[in-house]
Amino acid sequence: MTDFKQLKVWQKAHDLTLAIYRTTSTFPKEELYGLTSQMRRCAVSIGSNIAEGRGRDGDPDFQRFIGIAIGSTAELEYQMLVSRDLGYLNPDQYQTLLASLSEVGRMLVALRSRIRATAS
């Protein structure tokens, strides 16, 4: 089994998860079971799916889990947009998180493409 922690995309996803946890800690308490929880679960899902896919048997499984991680990036992007529009994220926080999320998303798409290319 290859160590998922060596993957640059996992490292970036982990950093993003930590940033989401820190940022959502300032959200209103009434959002604890709403946006706070949802955003944290999405962020954790990205890194978790990279890790789980890497630990599976072969490229088809890894590719499937990368696809799930990509879906979680889209979900998190929307939740960040809602948080910004509700005033829970200021524009600078939003832009910083969005830049990190976009980078992770691009890296995941590139990784999935590389896996597909080696599988053919």
C-alpha atoms as a PDB file:
ATOM      1  CA  MET A   1       0.000   0.000   0.000  1.00  0.00           C
ATOM      2  CA  THR A   2       1.355   3.393  -0.989  1.00  0.00           C
ATOM      3  CA  ASP A   3       1.336   6.101   1.649  1.00  0.00           C
ATOM      4  CA  PHE A   4      -1.409   8.590   0.770  1.00  0.00           C
ATOM      5  CA  LYS A   5       0.338  11.228   2.898  1.00  0.00           C
ATOM      6  CA  GLN A   6       3.054  11.440   0.248  1.00  0.00           C
ATOM      7  CA  LEU A   7       0.588  12.690  -2.361  1.00  0.00           C
ATOM      8  CA  LYS A   8       0.811  16.447  -2.847  1.00  0.00           C
ATOM      9  CA  VAL A   9      -2.931  16.639  -3.518  1.00  0.00           C
ATOM     10  CA  TRP A  10      -3.678  14.938  -0.198  1.00  0.00           C
ATOM     11  CA  GLN A  11      -1.362  17.376   1.615  1.00  0.00           C
ATOM     12  CA  LYS A  12      -3.159  20.340   0.019  1.00  0.00           C
ATOM     13  CA  ALA A  13      -6.563  18.806   0.823  1.00  0.00           C
ATOM     14  CA  HIS A  14      -5.477  18.309   4.430  1.00  0.00           C
ATOM     15  CA  ASP A  15      -4.374  21.948   4.683  1.00  0.00           C
ATOM     16  CA  LEU A  16      -7.724  23.016   3.246  1.00  0.00           C
ATOM     17  CA  THR A  17      -9.560  20.872   5.799  1.00  0.00           C
ATOM     18  CA  LEU A  18      -7.672  22.508   8.649  1.00  0.00           C
ATOM     19  CA  ALA A  19      -8.457  25.958   7.220  1.00  0.00           C
ATOM     20  CA  ILE A  20     -12.159  25.080   6.942  1.00  0.00           C
ATOM     21  CA  TYR A  21     -12.219  23.882  10.560  1.00  0.00           C
ATOM     22  CA  ARG A  22     -10.534  27.065  11.777  1.00  0.00           C
ATOM     23  CA  THR A  23     -12.752  29.328   9.703  1.00  0.00           C
ATOM     24  CA  THR A  24     -16.040  27.647  10.602  1.00  0.00           C
ATOM     25  CA  SER A  25     -15.202  27.857  14.293  1.00  0.00           C
ATOM     26  CA  THR A  26     -16.236  31.529  14.036  1.00  0.00           C
ATOM     27  CA  PHE A  27     -19.627  30.770  12.427  1.00  0.00           C
ATOM     28  CA  PRO A  28     -22.746  31.447  14.490  1.00  0.00           C
ATOM     29  CA  LYS A  29     -23.603  28.718  16.972  1.00  0.00           C
ATOM     30  CA  GLU A  30     -26.954  28.133  15.277  1.00  0.00           C
ATOM     31  CA  GLU A  31     -24.987  26.903  12.239  1.00  0.00           C
ATOM     32  CA  LEU A  32     -23.203  24.175  14.221  1.00  0.00           C
ATOM     33  CA  TYR A  33     -25.458  21.480  12.744  1.00  0.00           C
ATOM     34  CA  GLY A  34     -25.918  23.336   9.470  1.00  0.00           C
ATOM     35  CA  LEU A  35     -23.202  24.937   7.393  1.00  0.00           C
ATOM     36  CA  THR A  36     -20.442  24.359   9.945  1.00  0.00           C
ATOM     37  CA  SER A  37     -21.037  20.620  10.005  1.00  0.00           C
ATOM     38  CA  GLN A  38     -21.639  20.348   6.259  1.00  0.00           C
ATOM     39  CA  MET A  39     -18.515  22.274   5.299  1.00  0.00           C
ATOM     40  CA  ARG A  40     -16.355  20.288   7.688  1.00  0.00           C
ATOM     41  CA  ARG A  41     -17.714  16.970   6.426  1.00  0.00           C
ATOM     42  CA  CYS A  42     -17.137  17.981   2.801  1.00  0.00           C
ATOM     43  CA  ALA A  43     -13.588  19.081   3.482  1.00  0.00           C
ATOM     44  CA  VAL A  44     -12.798  15.898   5.400  1.00  0.00           C
ATOM     45  CA  SER A  45     -14.392  13.861   2.610  1.00  0.00           C
ATOM     46  CA  ILE A  46     -11.890  15.166   0.061  1.00  0.00           C
ATOM     47  CA  GLY A  47      -8.825  13.952   1.943  1.00  0.00           C
ATOM     48  CA  SER A  48     -10.585  10.820   3.183  1.00  0.00           C
ATOM     49  CA  ASN A  49     -11.480   9.706  -0.325  1.00  0.00           C
ATOM     50  CA  ILE A  50      -7.943  10.276  -1.540  1.00  0.00           C
ATOM     51  CA  ALA A  51      -6.656   8.169   1.353  1.00  0.00           C
ATOM     52  CA  GLU A  52      -9.224   5.415   0.945  1.00  0.00           C
ATOM     53  CA  GLY A  53      -8.781   5.230  -2.820  1.00  0.00           C
ATOM     54  CA  ARG A  54      -5.020   5.009  -2.452  1.00  0.00           C
ATOM     55  CA  GLY A  55      -5.455   2.117  -0.041  1.00  0.00           C
ATOM     56  CA  ARG A  56      -7.706   0.133  -2.376  1.00  0.00           C
ATOM     57  CA  ASP A  57      -6.769  -2.548  -4.878  1.00  0.00           C
ATOM     58  CA  GLY A  58      -5.749  -0.896  -8.100  1.00  0.00           C
ATOM     59  CA  ASP A  59      -6.390   2.081 -10.294  1.00  0.00           C
ATOM     60  CA  PRO A  60     -10.128   1.589 -11.024  1.00  0.00           C
ATOM     61  CA  ASP A  61     -10.946   1.885  -7.311  1.00  0.00           C
ATOM     62  CA  PHE A  62      -8.553   4.797  -6.864  1.00  0.00           C
ATOM     63  CA  GLN A  63     -10.099   6.578  -9.843  1.00  0.00           C
ATOM     64  CA  ARG A  64     -13.602   6.095  -8.409  1.00  0.00           C
ATOM     65  CA  PHE A  65     -12.602   7.573  -5.048  1.00  0.00           C
ATOM     66  CA  ILE A  66     -10.896  10.517  -6.758  1.00  0.00           C
ATOM     67  CA  GLY A  67     -14.204  11.138  -8.537  1.00  0.00           C
ATOM     68  CA  ILE A  68     -15.998  11.215  -5.198  1.00  0.00           C
ATOM     69  CA  ALA A  69     -13.409  13.679  -3.870  1.00  0.00           C
ATOM     70  CA  ILE A  70     -14.003  15.892  -6.911  1.00  0.00           C
ATOM     71  CA  GLY A  71     -17.725  15.851  -6.132  1.00  0.00           C
ATOM     72  CA  SER A  72     -16.983  16.940  -2.572  1.00  0.00           C
ATOM     73  CA  THR A  73     -15.003  19.919  -3.884  1.00  0.00           C
ATOM     74  CA  ALA A  74     -18.060  21.096  -5.835  1.00  0.00           C
ATOM     75  CA  GLU A  75     -20.286  20.684  -2.796  1.00  0.00           C
ATOM     76  CA  LEU A  76     -17.847  22.582  -0.588  1.00  0.00           C
ATOM     77  CA  GLU A  77     -17.590  25.379  -3.142  1.00  0.00           C
ATOM     78  CA  TYR A  78     -21.340  25.916  -2.995  1.00  0.00           C
ATOM     79  CA  GLN A  79     -21.380  25.870   0.804  1.00  0.00           C
ATOM     80  CA  MET A  80     -18.600  28.442   0.862  1.00  0.00           C
ATOM     81  CA  LEU A  81     -20.634  30.628  -1.502  1.00  0.00           C
ATOM     82  CA  VAL A  82     -23.678  30.396   0.775  1.00  0.00           C
ATOM     83  CA  SER A  83     -21.474  31.222   3.778  1.00  0.00           C
ATOM     84  CA  ARG A  84     -20.086  34.270   2.003  1.00  0.00           C
ATOM     85  CA  ASP A  85     -23.534  35.451   0.938  1.00  0.00           C
ATOM     86  CA  LEU A  86     -24.820  35.091   4.520  1.00  0.00           C
ATOM     87  CA  GLY A  87     -21.866  37.124   5.805  1.00  0.00           C
ATOM     88  CA  TYR A  88     -20.202  34.234   7.664  1.00  0.00           C
ATOM     89  CA  LEU A  89     -17.146  34.489   5.419  1.00  0.00           C
ATOM     90  CA  ASN A  90     -15.747  37.869   4.530  1.00  0.00           C
ATOM     91  CA  PRO A  91     -14.628  38.349   0.901  1.00  0.00           C
ATOM     92  CA  ASP A  92     -10.946  37.814   1.746  1.00  0.00           C
ATOM     93  CA  GLN A  93     -11.645  34.569   3.623  1.00  0.00           C
ATOM     94  CA  TYR A  94     -13.818  33.387   0.771  1.00  0.00           C
ATOM     95  CA  GLN A  95     -11.192  34.169  -1.880  1.00  0.00           C
ATOM     96  CA  THR A  96      -8.417  32.490   0.111  1.00  0.00           C
ATOM     97  CA  LEU A  97     -10.444  29.336   0.688  1.00  0.00           C
ATOM     98  CA  LEU A  98     -11.683  29.322  -2.904  1.00  0.00           C
ATOM     99  CA  ALA A  99      -8.125  29.547  -4.235  1.00  0.00           C
ATOM    100  CA  SER A 100      -7.106  26.557  -2.100  1.00  0.00           C
ATOM    101  CA  LEU A 101     -10.185  24.594  -3.074  1.00  0.00           C
ATOM    102  CA  SER A 102      -9.669  25.364  -6.770  1.00  0.00           C
ATOM    103  CA  GLU A 103      -6.070  24.192  -6.588  1.00  0.00           C
ATOM    104  CA  VAL A 104      -7.108  20.916  -4.935  1.00  0.00           C
ATOM    105  CA  GLY A 105      -9.843  20.454  -7.537  1.00  0.00           C
ATOM    106  CA  ARG A 106      -7.432  20.980 -10.433  1.00  0.00           C
ATOM    107  CA  MET A 107      -4.957  18.571  -8.873  1.00  0.00           C
ATOM    108  CA  LEU A 108      -7.652  15.924  -8.441  1.00  0.00           C
ATOM    109  CA  VAL A 109      -8.780  16.239 -12.064  1.00  0.00           C
ATOM    110  CA  ALA A 110      -5.169  15.947 -13.237  1.00  0.00           C
ATOM    111  CA  LEU A 111      -4.599  12.908 -11.019  1.00  0.00           C
ATOM    112  CA  ARG A 112      -7.730  11.223 -12.330  1.00  0.00           C
ATOM    113  CA  SER A 113      -6.568  11.896 -15.902  1.00  0.00           C
ATOM    114  CA  ARG A 114      -3.158  10.358 -15.161  1.00  0.00           C
ATOM    115  CA  ILE A 115      -4.779   7.289 -13.634  1.00  0.00           C
ATOM    116  CA  ARG A 116      -7.046   6.902 -16.678  1.00  0.00           C
ATOM    117  CA  ALA A 117      -4.092   7.265 -19.047  1.00  0.00           C
ATOM    118  CA  THR A 118      -2.073   4.567 -17.293  1.00  0.00           C
ATOM    119  CA  ALA A 119      -5.083   2.241 -17.183  1.00  0.00           C
ATOM    120  CA  SER A 120      -5.571   2.334 -20.955  1.00  0.00           C
END
